[in-house]
Amino acid sequence: MRGLIALAALPLAACGHAGGASADLARQTIADHCGACHTVPGVAQARGRVGPDLRGIGKQQIIAGTLPNSRANMIRWITHAQSVSPGSVMPDIPLTAAQAQAVADYLYSLD
C-alpha cells in the first residue's frame, strides 16, 4: 500500500519550483551566467537590471521577441541568442546541455 501511495505522489513532485540537484544546478548556473543582467526569483545573486526580470517567463506566449515559448526555444535562446537575434544585447551563453536544461526547467517553474 505504501508503494502505491508513493507512486501516486510522483506526479505531484514535478509541480511547482524545480527541486533537487537539477534546481541546485540551475541556481548555480543562473548565479554564474545570468544574474549580472537578470533578476531571477530564488537566486540571491541574480538581481541584475540590464535584462528583464525573468519571473513569469514561462507564462509568456513569445520569448526573445519572436520565438514561440517552448522548452526547446528557451534552451536555444539561452545558449545561442546571437543566432536567434543577431546584435541582441543577450550574449550566447556557453552552457552544457545539462545546465541549459536545468535553467529552462527552473525558469518554467517560476510563478
PDB file of N, CA and C in Angstrom:
ATOM      1  N   MET A   1       0.820  -1.191   0.000  1.00  0.00           N
ATOM      2  CA  MET A   1       0.000   0.000   0.000  1.00  0.00           C
ATOM      3  C   MET A   1       0.867   1.260   0.000  1.00  0.00           C
ATOM      4  N   ARG A   2       1.937   1.255   0.808  1.00  0.00           N
ATOM      5  CA  ARG A   2       2.819   2.425   0.846  1.00  0.00           C
ATOM      6  C   ARG A   2       3.429   2.694  -0.524  1.00  0.00           C
ATOM      7  N   GLY A   3       3.763   1.618  -1.230  1.00  0.00           N
ATOM      8  CA  GLY A   3       4.335   1.762  -2.568  1.00  0.00           C
ATOM      9  C   GLY A   3       3.374   2.450  -3.520  1.00  0.00           C
ATOM     10  N   LEU A   4       2.083   2.104  -3.412  1.00  0.00           N
ATOM     11  CA  LEU A   4       1.086   2.742  -4.263  1.00  0.00           C
ATOM     12  C   LEU A   4       0.946   4.214  -3.941  1.00  0.00           C
ATOM     13  N   ILE A   5       0.996   4.554  -2.674  1.00  0.00           N
ATOM     14  CA  ILE A   5       0.907   5.957  -2.269  1.00  0.00           C
ATOM     15  C   ILE A   5       2.106   6.729  -2.800  1.00  0.00           C
ATOM     16  N   ALA A   6       3.275   6.134  -2.692  1.00  0.00           N
ATOM     17  CA  ALA A   6       4.484   6.797  -3.197  1.00  0.00           C
ATOM     18  C   ALA A   6       4.395   7.003  -4.701  1.00  0.00           C
ATOM     19  N   LEU A   7       3.910   5.999  -5.437  1.00  0.00           N
ATOM     20  CA  LEU A   7       3.766   6.140  -6.882  1.00  0.00           C
ATOM     21  C   LEU A   7       2.742   7.208  -7.239  1.00  0.00           C
ATOM     22  N   ALA A   8       1.660   7.266  -6.485  1.00  0.00           N
ATOM     23  CA  ALA A   8       0.630   8.265  -6.746  1.00  0.00           C
ATOM     24  C   ALA A   8       1.140   9.674  -6.486  1.00  0.00           C
ATOM     25  N   ALA A   9       2.096   9.814  -5.594  1.00  0.00           N
ATOM     26  CA  ALA A   9       2.619  11.138  -5.255  1.00  0.00           C
ATOM     27  C   ALA A   9       3.664  11.637  -6.245  1.00  0.00           C
ATOM     28  N   LEU A  10       4.198  10.763  -7.090  1.00  0.00           N
ATOM     29  CA  LEU A  10       5.251  11.177  -8.020  1.00  0.00           C
ATOM     30  C   LEU A  10       4.854  12.335  -8.928  1.00  0.00           C
ATOM     31  N   PRO A  11       3.672  12.334  -9.554  1.00  0.00           N
ATOM     32  CA  PRO A  11       3.331  13.477 -10.402  1.00  0.00           C
ATOM     33  C   PRO A  11       3.290  14.793  -9.632  1.00  0.00           C
ATOM     34  N   LEU A  12       2.912  14.747  -8.377  1.00  0.00           N
ATOM     35  CA  LEU A  12       2.870  15.965  -7.574  1.00  0.00           C
ATOM     36  C   LEU A  12       4.262  16.516  -7.322  1.00  0.00           C
ATOM     37  N   ALA A  13       5.239  15.655  -7.259  1.00  0.00           N
ATOM     38  CA  ALA A  13       6.611  16.102  -7.016  1.00  0.00           C
ATOM     39  C   ALA A  13       7.136  16.935  -8.169  1.00  0.00           C
ATOM     40  N   ALA A  14       6.571  16.767  -9.352  1.00  0.00           N
ATOM     41  CA  ALA A  14       7.034  17.523 -10.513  1.00  0.00           C
ATOM     42  C   ALA A  14       6.419  18.913 -10.588  1.00  0.00           C
ATOM     43  N   CYS A  15       5.446  19.221  -9.761  1.00  0.00           N
ATOM     44  CA  CYS A  15       4.779  20.519  -9.796  1.00  0.00           C
ATOM     45  C   CYS A  15       5.560  21.562  -9.016  1.00  0.00           C
ATOM     46  N   GLY A  16       5.319  22.830  -9.347  1.00  0.00           N
ATOM     47  CA  GLY A  16       5.926  23.923  -8.589  1.00  0.00           C
ATOM     48  C   GLY A  16       7.367  24.138  -8.967  1.00  0.00           C
ATOM     49  N   HIS A  17       8.138  24.719  -8.063  1.00  0.00           N
ATOM     50  CA  HIS A  17       9.537  25.028  -8.329  1.00  0.00           C
ATOM     51  C   HIS A  17      10.337  23.762  -8.564  1.00  0.00           C
ATOM     52  N   ALA A  18      11.280  23.888  -9.477  1.00  0.00           N
ATOM     53  CA  ALA A  18      12.186  22.770  -9.731  1.00  0.00           C
ATOM     54  C   ALA A  18      12.917  22.446  -8.444  1.00  0.00           C
ATOM     55  N   GLY A  19      13.113  21.175  -8.188  1.00  0.00           N
ATOM     56  CA  GLY A  19      13.742  20.798  -6.930  1.00  0.00           C
ATOM     57  C   GLY A  19      14.947  19.916  -7.142  1.00  0.00           C
ATOM     58  N   GLY A  20      15.612  19.618  -6.046  1.00  0.00           N
ATOM     59  CA  GLY A  20      16.716  18.682  -6.058  1.00  0.00           C
ATOM     60  C   GLY A  20      17.959  19.178  -6.754  1.00  0.00           C
ATOM     61  N   ALA A  21      18.728  18.220  -7.250  1.00  0.00           N
ATOM     62  CA  ALA A  21      20.019  18.515  -7.868  1.00  0.00           C
ATOM     63  C   ALA A  21      19.866  19.395  -9.099  1.00  0.00           C
ATOM     64  N   SER A  22      18.804  19.175  -9.871  1.00  0.00           N
ATOM     65  CA  SER A  22      18.585  19.987 -11.065  1.00  0.00           C
ATOM     66  C   SER A  22      18.367  21.452 -10.702  1.00  0.00           C
ATOM     67  N   ALA A  23      17.590  21.704  -9.654  1.00  0.00           N
ATOM     68  CA  ALA A  23      17.361  23.079  -9.213  1.00  0.00           C
ATOM     69  C   ALA A  23      18.642  23.698  -8.682  1.00  0.00           C
ATOM     70  N   ASP A  24      19.439  22.912  -7.971  1.00  0.00           N
ATOM     71  CA  ASP A  24      20.723  23.421  -7.476  1.00  0.00           C
ATOM     72  C   ASP A  24      21.631  23.791  -8.641  1.00  0.00           C
ATOM     73  N   LEU A  25      21.685  22.927  -9.657  1.00  0.00           N
ATOM     74  CA  LEU A  25      22.488  23.217 -10.844  1.00  0.00           C
ATOM     75  C   LEU A  25      21.974  24.473 -11.532  1.00  0.00           C
ATOM     76  N   ALA A  26      20.657  24.599 -11.650  1.00  0.00           N
ATOM     77  CA  ALA A  26      20.066  25.777 -12.288  1.00  0.00           C
ATOM     78  C   ALA A  26      20.409  27.046 -11.525  1.00  0.00           C
ATOM     79  N   ARG A  27      20.225  27.035 -10.212  1.00  0.00           N
ATOM     80  CA  ARG A  27      20.509  28.242  -9.419  1.00  0.00           C
ATOM     81  C   ARG A  27      21.974  28.642  -9.518  1.00  0.00           C
ATOM     82  N   GLN A  28      22.880  27.665  -9.476  1.00  0.00           N
ATOM     83  CA  GLN A  28      24.307  27.982  -9.586  1.00  0.00           C
ATOM     84  C   GLN A  28      24.638  28.525 -10.976  1.00  0.00           C
ATOM     85  N   THR A  29      24.060  27.924 -11.998  1.00  0.00           N
ATOM     86  CA  THR A  29      24.295  28.376 -13.372  1.00  0.00           C
ATOM     87  C   THR A  29      23.746  29.779 -13.575  1.00  0.00           C
ATOM     88  N   ILE A  30      22.561  30.040 -13.058  1.00  0.00           N
ATOM     89  CA  ILE A  30      21.961  31.372 -13.158  1.00  0.00           C
ATOM     90  C   ILE A  30      22.824  32.389 -12.420  1.00  0.00           C
ATOM     91  N   ALA A  31      23.290  32.039 -11.238  1.00  0.00           N
ATOM     92  CA  ALA A  31      24.160  32.943 -10.475  1.00  0.00           C
ATOM     93  C   ALA A  31      25.439  33.245 -11.253  1.00  0.00           C
ATOM     94  N   ASP A  32      26.008  32.235 -11.901  1.00  0.00           N
ATOM     95  CA  ASP A  32      27.275  32.394 -12.619  1.00  0.00           C
ATOM     96  C   ASP A  32      27.135  33.106 -13.958  1.00  0.00           C
ATOM     97  N   HIS A  33      26.009  32.910 -14.654  1.00  0.00           N
ATOM     98  CA  HIS A  33      25.918  33.373 -16.042  1.00  0.00           C
ATOM     99  C   HIS A  33      24.798  34.371 -16.334  1.00  0.00           C
ATOM    100  N   CYS A  34      23.807  34.484 -15.465  1.00  0.00           N
ATOM    101  CA  CYS A  34      22.621  35.277 -15.798  1.00  0.00           C
ATOM    102  C   CYS A  34      22.367  36.441 -14.845  1.00  0.00           C
ATOM    103  N   GLY A  35      22.813  36.294 -13.615  1.00  0.00           N
ATOM    104  CA  GLY A  35      22.447  37.226 -12.555  1.00  0.00           C
ATOM    105  C   GLY A  35      22.970  38.636 -12.694  1.00  0.00           C
ATOM    106  N   ALA A  36      24.017  38.847 -13.469  1.00  0.00           N
ATOM    107  CA  ALA A  36      24.517  40.209 -13.657  1.00  0.00           C
ATOM    108  C   ALA A  36      23.523  41.052 -14.451  1.00  0.00           C
ATOM    109  N   CYS A  37      22.712  40.411 -15.282  1.00  0.00           N
ATOM    110  CA  CYS A  37      21.759  41.140 -16.125  1.00  0.00           C
ATOM    111  C   CYS A  37      20.297  40.940 -15.732  1.00  0.00           C
ATOM    112  N   HIS A  38      19.969  39.775 -15.180  1.00  0.00           N
ATOM    113  CA  HIS A  38      18.570  39.439 -14.911  1.00  0.00           C
ATOM    114  C   HIS A  38      18.298  39.247 -13.426  1.00  0.00           C
ATOM    115  N   THR A  39      17.071  39.561 -13.031  1.00  0.00           N
ATOM    116  CA  THR A  39      16.565  39.195 -11.713  1.00  0.00           C
ATOM    117  C   THR A  39      15.835  37.866 -11.874  1.00  0.00           C
ATOM    118  N   VAL A  40      16.194  36.919 -11.016  1.00  0.00           N
ATOM    119  CA  VAL A  40      15.570  35.598 -11.060  1.00  0.00           C
ATOM    120  C   VAL A  40      15.186  35.218  -9.635  1.00  0.00           C
ATOM    121  N   PRO A  41      13.894  35.060  -9.356  1.00  0.00           N
ATOM    122  CA  PRO A  41      13.467  34.670  -8.015  1.00  0.00           C
ATOM    123  C   PRO A  41      14.135  33.375  -7.566  1.00  0.00           C
ATOM    124  N   GLY A  42      14.520  33.351  -6.302  1.00  0.00           N
ATOM    125  CA  GLY A  42      15.136  32.165  -5.734  1.00  0.00           C
ATOM    126  C   GLY A  42      16.638  32.089  -5.917  1.00  0.00           C
ATOM    127  N   VAL A  43      17.217  33.080  -6.605  1.00  0.00           N
ATOM    128  CA  VAL A  43      18.665  33.115  -6.822  1.00  0.00           C
ATOM    129  C   VAL A  43      19.167  34.449  -6.282  1.00  0.00           C
ATOM    130  N   ALA A  44      19.758  34.410  -5.096  1.00  0.00           N
ATOM    131  CA  ALA A  44      20.164  35.641  -4.410  1.00  0.00           C
ATOM    132  C   ALA A  44      21.116  36.486  -5.245  1.00  0.00           C
ATOM    133  N   GLN A  45      21.981  35.845  -6.027  1.00  0.00           N
ATOM    134  CA  GLN A  45      22.966  36.576  -6.816  1.00  0.00           C
ATOM    135  C   GLN A  45      22.394  37.100  -8.137  1.00  0.00           C
ATOM    136  N   ALA A  46      21.152  36.827  -8.431  1.00  0.00           N
ATOM    137  CA  ALA A  46      20.539  37.248  -9.696  1.00  0.00           C
ATOM    138  C   ALA A  46      19.601  38.419  -9.448  1.00  0.00           C
ATOM    139  N   ARG A  47      20.189  39.610  -9.384  1.00  0.00           N
ATOM    140  CA  ARG A  47      19.420  40.833  -9.144  1.00  0.00           C
ATOM    141  C   ARG A  47      19.744  41.906 -10.178  1.00  0.00           C
ATOM    142  N   GLY A  48      20.178  41.472 -11.370  1.00  0.00           N
ATOM    143  CA  GLY A  48      20.536  42.414 -12.422  1.00  0.00           C
ATOM    144  C   GLY A  48      19.331  43.171 -12.941  1.00  0.00           C
ATOM    145  N   ARG A  49      19.605  44.329 -13.532  1.00  0.00           N
ATOM    146  CA  ARG A  49      18.533  45.172 -14.065  1.00  0.00           C
ATOM    147  C   ARG A  49      18.769  45.560 -15.522  1.00  0.00           C
ATOM    148  N   VAL A  50      19.752  44.961 -16.158  1.00  0.00           N
ATOM    149  CA  VAL A  50      20.022  45.257 -17.564  1.00  0.00           C
ATOM    150  C   VAL A  50      18.993  44.549 -18.442  1.00  0.00           C
ATOM    151  N   GLY A  51      18.788  43.269 -18.187  1.00  0.00           N
ATOM    152  CA  GLY A  51      17.793  42.482 -18.912  1.00  0.00           C
ATOM    153  C   GLY A  51      16.512  42.396 -18.104  1.00  0.00           C
ATOM    154  N   PRO A  52      15.495  41.771 -18.671  1.00  0.00           N
ATOM    155  CA  PRO A  52      14.212  41.693 -17.966  1.00  0.00           C
ATOM    156  C   PRO A  52      14.252  40.783 -16.742  1.00  0.00           C
ATOM    157  N   ASP A  53      13.369  41.085 -15.803  1.00  0.00           N
ATOM    158  CA  ASP A  53      13.093  40.195 -14.675  1.00  0.00           C
ATOM    159  C   ASP A  53      12.479  38.934 -15.280  1.00  0.00           C
ATOM    160  N   LEU A  54      12.990  37.777 -14.919  1.00  0.00           N
ATOM    161  CA  LEU A  54      12.532  36.538 -15.539  1.00  0.00           C
ATOM    162  C   LEU A  54      11.386  35.858 -14.799  1.00  0.00           C
ATOM    163  N   ARG A  55      10.854  36.514 -13.789  1.00  0.00           N
ATOM    164  CA  ARG A  55       9.671  35.995 -13.094  1.00  0.00           C
ATOM    165  C   ARG A  55       8.521  35.880 -14.106  1.00  0.00           C
ATOM    166  N   GLY A  56       7.913  34.728 -14.178  1.00  0.00           N
ATOM    167  CA  GLY A  56       6.754  34.538 -15.047  1.00  0.00           C
ATOM    168  C   GLY A  56       7.075  34.318 -16.518  1.00  0.00           C
ATOM    169  N   ILE A  57       8.349  34.148 -16.861  1.00  0.00           N
ATOM    170  CA  ILE A  57       8.697  33.982 -18.279  1.00  0.00           C
ATOM    171  C   ILE A  57       8.042  32.745 -18.882  1.00  0.00           C
ATOM    172  N   GLY A  58       7.811  31.734 -18.092  1.00  0.00           N
ATOM    173  CA  GLY A  58       7.185  30.517 -18.601  1.00  0.00           C
ATOM    174  C   GLY A  58       5.752  30.712 -19.050  1.00  0.00           C
ATOM    175  N   LYS A  59       5.114  31.783 -18.610  1.00  0.00           N
ATOM    176  CA  LYS A  59       3.727  32.059 -18.975  1.00  0.00           C
ATOM    177  C   LYS A  59       3.608  32.949 -20.208  1.00  0.00           C
ATOM    178  N   GLN A  60       4.723  33.489 -20.673  1.00  0.00           N
ATOM    179  CA  GLN A  60       4.689  34.356 -21.849  1.00  0.00           C
ATOM    180  C   GLN A  60       4.453  33.529 -23.108  1.00  0.00           C
ATOM    181  N   GLN A  61       3.749  34.095 -24.061  1.00  0.00           N
ATOM    182  CA  GLN A  61       3.499  33.410 -25.332  1.00  0.00           C
ATOM    183  C   GLN A  61       4.741  33.417 -26.223  1.00  0.00           C
ATOM    184  N   ILE A  62       5.498  34.505 -26.163  1.00  0.00           N
ATOM    185  CA  ILE A  62       6.665  34.715 -27.020  1.00  0.00           C
ATOM    186  C   ILE A  62       7.869  35.002 -26.139  1.00  0.00           C
ATOM    187  N   ILE A  63       9.027  34.463 -26.510  1.00  0.00           N
ATOM    188  CA  ILE A  63      10.285  34.801 -25.845  1.00  0.00           C
ATOM    189  C   ILE A  63      11.241  35.346 -26.901  1.00  0.00           C
ATOM    190  N   ALA A  64      12.193  36.126 -26.467  1.00  0.00           N
ATOM    191  CA  ALA A  64      13.200  36.703 -27.359  1.00  0.00           C
ATOM    192  C   ALA A  64      12.569  37.562 -28.449  1.00  0.00           C
ATOM    193  N   GLY A  65      11.362  38.016 -28.232  1.00  0.00           N
ATOM    194  CA  GLY A  65      10.687  38.898 -29.175  1.00  0.00           C
ATOM    195  C   GLY A  65      10.052  38.214 -30.373  1.00  0.00           C
ATOM    196  N   THR A  66      10.470  36.982 -30.681  1.00  0.00           N
ATOM    197  CA  THR A  66       9.956  36.331 -31.889  1.00  0.00           C
ATOM    198  C   THR A  66       9.658  34.844 -31.754  1.00  0.00           C
ATOM    199  N   LEU A  67      10.196  34.193 -30.738  1.00  0.00           N
ATOM    200  CA  LEU A  67      10.081  32.734 -30.637  1.00  0.00           C
ATOM    201  C   LEU A  67       8.854  32.309 -29.842  1.00  0.00           C
ATOM    202  N   PRO A  68       8.085  31.342 -30.351  1.00  0.00           N
ATOM    203  CA  PRO A  68       7.035  30.766 -29.514  1.00  0.00           C
ATOM    204  C   PRO A  68       7.686  30.176 -28.259  1.00  0.00           C
ATOM    205  N   ASN A  69       7.039  30.359 -27.133  1.00  0.00           N
ATOM    206  CA  ASN A  69       7.609  29.920 -25.863  1.00  0.00           C
ATOM    207  C   ASN A  69       7.486  28.407 -25.727  1.00  0.00           C
ATOM    208  N   SER A  70       8.611  27.733 -25.908  1.00  0.00           N
ATOM    209  CA  SER A  70       8.697  26.288 -25.706  1.00  0.00           C
ATOM    210  C   SER A  70      10.025  25.997 -25.022  1.00  0.00           C
ATOM    211  N   ARG A  71      10.126  24.817 -24.446  1.00  0.00           N
ATOM    212  CA  ARG A  71      11.369  24.440 -23.759  1.00  0.00           C
ATOM    213  C   ARG A  71      12.539  24.456 -24.739  1.00  0.00           C
ATOM    214  N   ALA A  72      12.347  23.898 -25.932  1.00  0.00           N
ATOM    215  CA  ALA A  72      13.427  23.861 -26.927  1.00  0.00           C
ATOM    216  C   ALA A  72      13.851  25.271 -27.330  1.00  0.00           C
ATOM    217  N   ASN A  73      12.876  26.159 -27.543  1.00  0.00           N
ATOM    218  CA  ASN A  73      13.219  27.536 -27.910  1.00  0.00           C
ATOM    219  C   ASN A  73      13.876  28.284 -26.762  1.00  0.00           C
ATOM    220  N   MET A  74      13.455  27.993 -25.536  1.00  0.00           N
ATOM    221  CA  MET A  74      14.082  28.633 -24.377  1.00  0.00           C
ATOM    222  C   MET A  74      15.557  28.233 -24.308  1.00  0.00           C
ATOM    223  N   ILE A  75      15.835  26.960 -24.469  1.00  0.00           N
ATOM    224  CA  ILE A  75      17.220  26.487 -24.436  1.00  0.00           C
ATOM    225  C   ILE A  75      18.013  27.108 -25.580  1.00  0.00           C
ATOM    226  N   ARG A  76      17.419  27.159 -26.754  1.00  0.00           N
ATOM    227  CA  ARG A  76      18.087  27.776 -27.911  1.00  0.00           C
ATOM    228  C   ARG A  76      18.401  29.241 -27.642  1.00  0.00           C
ATOM    229  N   TRP A  77      17.449  29.973 -27.091  1.00  0.00           N
ATOM    230  CA  TRP A  77      17.649  31.394 -26.797  1.00  0.00           C
ATOM    231  C   TRP A  77      18.743  31.585 -25.751  1.00  0.00           C
ATOM    232  N   ILE A  78      18.710  30.793 -24.698  1.00  0.00           N
ATOM    233  CA  ILE A  78      19.702  30.920 -23.629  1.00  0.00           C
ATOM    234  C   ILE A  78      21.111  30.661 -24.157  1.00  0.00           C
ATOM    235  N   THR A  79      21.263  29.646 -24.982  1.00  0.00           N
ATOM    236  CA  THR A  79      22.609  29.234 -25.395  1.00  0.00           C
ATOM    237  C   THR A  79      23.090  29.866 -26.697  1.00  0.00           C
ATOM    238  N   HIS A  80      22.175  30.244 -27.582  1.00  0.00           N
ATOM    239  CA  HIS A  80      22.564  30.770 -28.896  1.00  0.00           C
ATOM    240  C   HIS A  80      21.770  32.024 -29.258  1.00  0.00           C
ATOM    241  N   ALA A  81      21.705  32.961 -28.359  1.00  0.00           N
ATOM    242  CA  ALA A  81      20.909  34.172 -28.569  1.00  0.00           C
ATOM    243  C   ALA A  81      21.313  34.931 -29.830  1.00  0.00           C
ATOM    244  N   GLN A  82      22.588  34.957 -30.133  1.00  0.00           N
ATOM    245  CA  GLN A  82      23.039  35.725 -31.293  1.00  0.00           C
ATOM    246  C   GLN A  82      22.597  35.110 -32.624  1.00  0.00           C
ATOM    247  N   SER A  83      22.399  33.808 -32.678  1.00  0.00           N
ATOM    248  CA  SER A  83      21.880  33.208 -33.913  1.00  0.00           C
ATOM    249  C   SER A  83      20.367  33.411 -34.020  1.00  0.00           C
ATOM    250  N   VAL A  84      19.702  33.559 -32.893  1.00  0.00           N
ATOM    251  CA  VAL A  84      18.261  33.815 -32.879  1.00  0.00           C
ATOM    252  C   VAL A  84      17.988  35.272 -33.221  1.00  0.00           C
ATOM    253  N   SER A  85      18.751  36.161 -32.619  1.00  0.00           N
ATOM    254  CA  SER A  85      18.549  37.599 -32.796  1.00  0.00           C
ATOM    255  C   SER A  85      19.910  38.294 -32.888  1.00  0.00           C
ATOM    256  N   PRO A  86      20.522  38.270 -34.074  1.00  0.00           N
ATOM    257  CA  PRO A  86      21.850  38.877 -34.223  1.00  0.00           C
ATOM    258  C   PRO A  86      21.867  40.332 -33.759  1.00  0.00           C
ATOM    259  N   GLY A  87      22.887  40.666 -32.996  1.00  0.00           N
ATOM    260  CA  GLY A  87      23.019  42.025 -32.483  1.00  0.00           C
ATOM    261  C   GLY A  87      22.280  42.271 -31.183  1.00  0.00           C
ATOM    262  N   SER A  88      21.557  41.273 -30.698  1.00  0.00           N
ATOM    263  CA  SER A  88      20.859  41.412 -29.419  1.00  0.00           C
ATOM    264  C   SER A  88      21.871  41.657 -28.306  1.00  0.00           C
ATOM    265  N   VAL A  89      21.445  42.331 -27.259  1.00  0.00           N
ATOM    266  CA  VAL A  89      22.331  42.511 -26.107  1.00  0.00           C
ATOM    267  C   VAL A  89      22.483  41.214 -25.321  1.00  0.00           C
ATOM    268  N   MET A  90      21.617  40.241 -25.571  1.00  0.00           N
ATOM    269  CA  MET A  90      21.734  38.929 -24.930  1.00  0.00           C
ATOM    270  C   MET A  90      22.865  38.169 -25.612  1.00  0.00           C
ATOM    271  N   PRO A  91      23.907  37.819 -24.857  1.00  0.00           N
ATOM    272  CA  PRO A  91      25.023  37.084 -25.471  1.00  0.00           C
ATOM    273  C   PRO A  91      24.715  35.591 -25.570  1.00  0.00           C
ATOM    274  N   ASP A  92      25.479  34.898 -26.395  1.00  0.00           N
ATOM    275  CA  ASP A  92      25.465  33.438 -26.359  1.00  0.00           C
ATOM    276  C   ASP A  92      26.060  33.026 -25.016  1.00  0.00           C
ATOM    277  N   ILE A  93      25.458  32.058 -24.358  1.00  0.00           N
ATOM    278  CA  ILE A  93      25.945  31.594 -23.060  1.00  0.00           C
ATOM    279  C   ILE A  93      26.487  30.173 -23.245  1.00  0.00           C
ATOM    280  N   PRO A  94      27.772  29.955 -22.955  1.00  0.00           N
ATOM    281  CA  PRO A  94      28.372  28.633 -23.162  1.00  0.00           C
ATOM    282  C   PRO A  94      28.029  27.661 -22.029  1.00  0.00           C
ATOM    283  N   LEU A  95      26.868  27.032 -22.134  1.00  0.00           N
ATOM    284  CA  LEU A  95      26.413  26.094 -21.111  1.00  0.00           C
ATOM    285  C   LEU A  95      26.465  24.671 -21.640  1.00  0.00           C
ATOM    286  N   THR A  96      26.610  23.734 -20.719  1.00  0.00           N
ATOM    287  CA  THR A  96      26.449  22.330 -21.085  1.00  0.00           C
ATOM    288  C   THR A  96      24.960  22.075 -21.322  1.00  0.00           C
ATOM    289  N   ALA A  97      24.656  20.969 -21.971  1.00  0.00           N
ATOM    290  CA  ALA A  97      23.255  20.604 -22.187  1.00  0.00           C
ATOM    291  C   ALA A  97      22.521  20.465 -20.856  1.00  0.00           C
ATOM    292  N   ALA A  98      23.170  19.868 -19.870  1.00  0.00           N
ATOM    293  CA  ALA A  98      22.542  19.692 -18.551  1.00  0.00           C
ATOM    294  C   ALA A  98      22.261  21.039 -17.898  1.00  0.00           C
ATOM    295  N   GLN A  99      23.195  21.974 -17.992  1.00  0.00           N
ATOM    296  CA  GLN A  99      22.979  23.304 -17.418  1.00  0.00           C
ATOM    297  C   GLN A  99      21.821  24.011 -18.117  1.00  0.00           C
ATOM    298  N   ALA A 100      21.811  23.994 -19.441  1.00  0.00           N
ATOM    299  CA  ALA A 100      20.760  24.674 -20.199  1.00  0.00           C
ATOM    300  C   ALA A 100      19.390  24.088 -19.889  1.00  0.00           C
ATOM    301  N   GLN A 101      19.297  22.772 -19.810  1.00  0.00           N
ATOM    302  CA  GLN A 101      18.029  22.121 -19.495  1.00  0.00           C
ATOM    303  C   GLN A 101      17.581  22.461 -18.080  1.00  0.00           C
ATOM    304  N   ALA A 102      18.515  22.469 -17.140  1.00  0.00           N
ATOM    305  CA  ALA A 102      18.181  22.794 -15.748  1.00  0.00           C
ATOM    306  C   ALA A 102      17.698  24.232 -15.633  1.00  0.00           C
ATOM    307  N   VAL A 103      18.365  25.160 -16.318  1.00  0.00           N
ATOM    308  CA  VAL A 103      17.951  26.567 -16.271  1.00  0.00           C
ATOM    309  C   VAL A 103      16.563  26.726 -16.878  1.00  0.00           C
ATOM    310  N   ALA A 104      16.323  26.122 -18.034  1.00  0.00           N
ATOM    311  CA  ALA A 104      14.999  26.219 -18.655  1.00  0.00           C
ATOM    312  C   ALA A 104      13.927  25.654 -17.729  1.00  0.00           C
ATOM    313  N   ASP A 105      14.163  24.490 -17.162  1.00  0.00           N
ATOM    314  CA  ASP A 105      13.189  23.892 -16.246  1.00  0.00           C
ATOM    315  C   ASP A 105      12.943  24.795 -15.045  1.00  0.00           C
ATOM    316  N   TYR A 106      13.999  25.386 -14.516  1.00  0.00           N
ATOM    317  CA  TYR A 106      13.857  26.278 -13.367  1.00  0.00           C
ATOM    318  C   TYR A 106      13.022  27.501 -13.750  1.00  0.00           C
ATOM    319  N   LEU A 107      13.319  28.103 -14.897  1.00  0.00           N
ATOM    320  CA  LEU A 107      12.565  29.288 -15.317  1.00  0.00           C
ATOM    321  C   LEU A 107      11.092  28.965 -15.511  1.00  0.00           C
ATOM    322  N   TYR A 108      10.789  27.785 -16.050  1.00  0.00           N
ATOM    323  CA  TYR A 108       9.391  27.395 -16.229  1.00  0.00           C
ATOM    324  C   TYR A 108       8.701  27.087 -14.903  1.00  0.00           C
ATOM    325  N   SER A 109       9.467  26.840 -13.866  1.00  0.00           N
ATOM    326  CA  SER A 109       8.865  26.544 -12.561  1.00  0.00           C
ATOM    327  C   SER A 109       8.483  27.804 -11.794  1.00  0.00           C
ATOM    328  N   LEU A 110       8.944  28.963 -12.253  1.00  0.00           N
ATOM    329  CA  LEU A 110       8.680  30.214 -11.537  1.00  0.00           C
ATOM    330  C   LEU A 110       7.253  30.677 -11.765  1.00  0.00           C
ATOM    331  N   ASP A 111       6.686  31.306 -10.759  1.00  0.00           N
ATOM    332  CA  ASP A 111       5.329  31.861 -10.887  1.00  0.00           C
ATOM    333  C   ASP A 111       5.379  33.230 -11.510  1.00  0.00           C
TER     334      ASP A 111
END
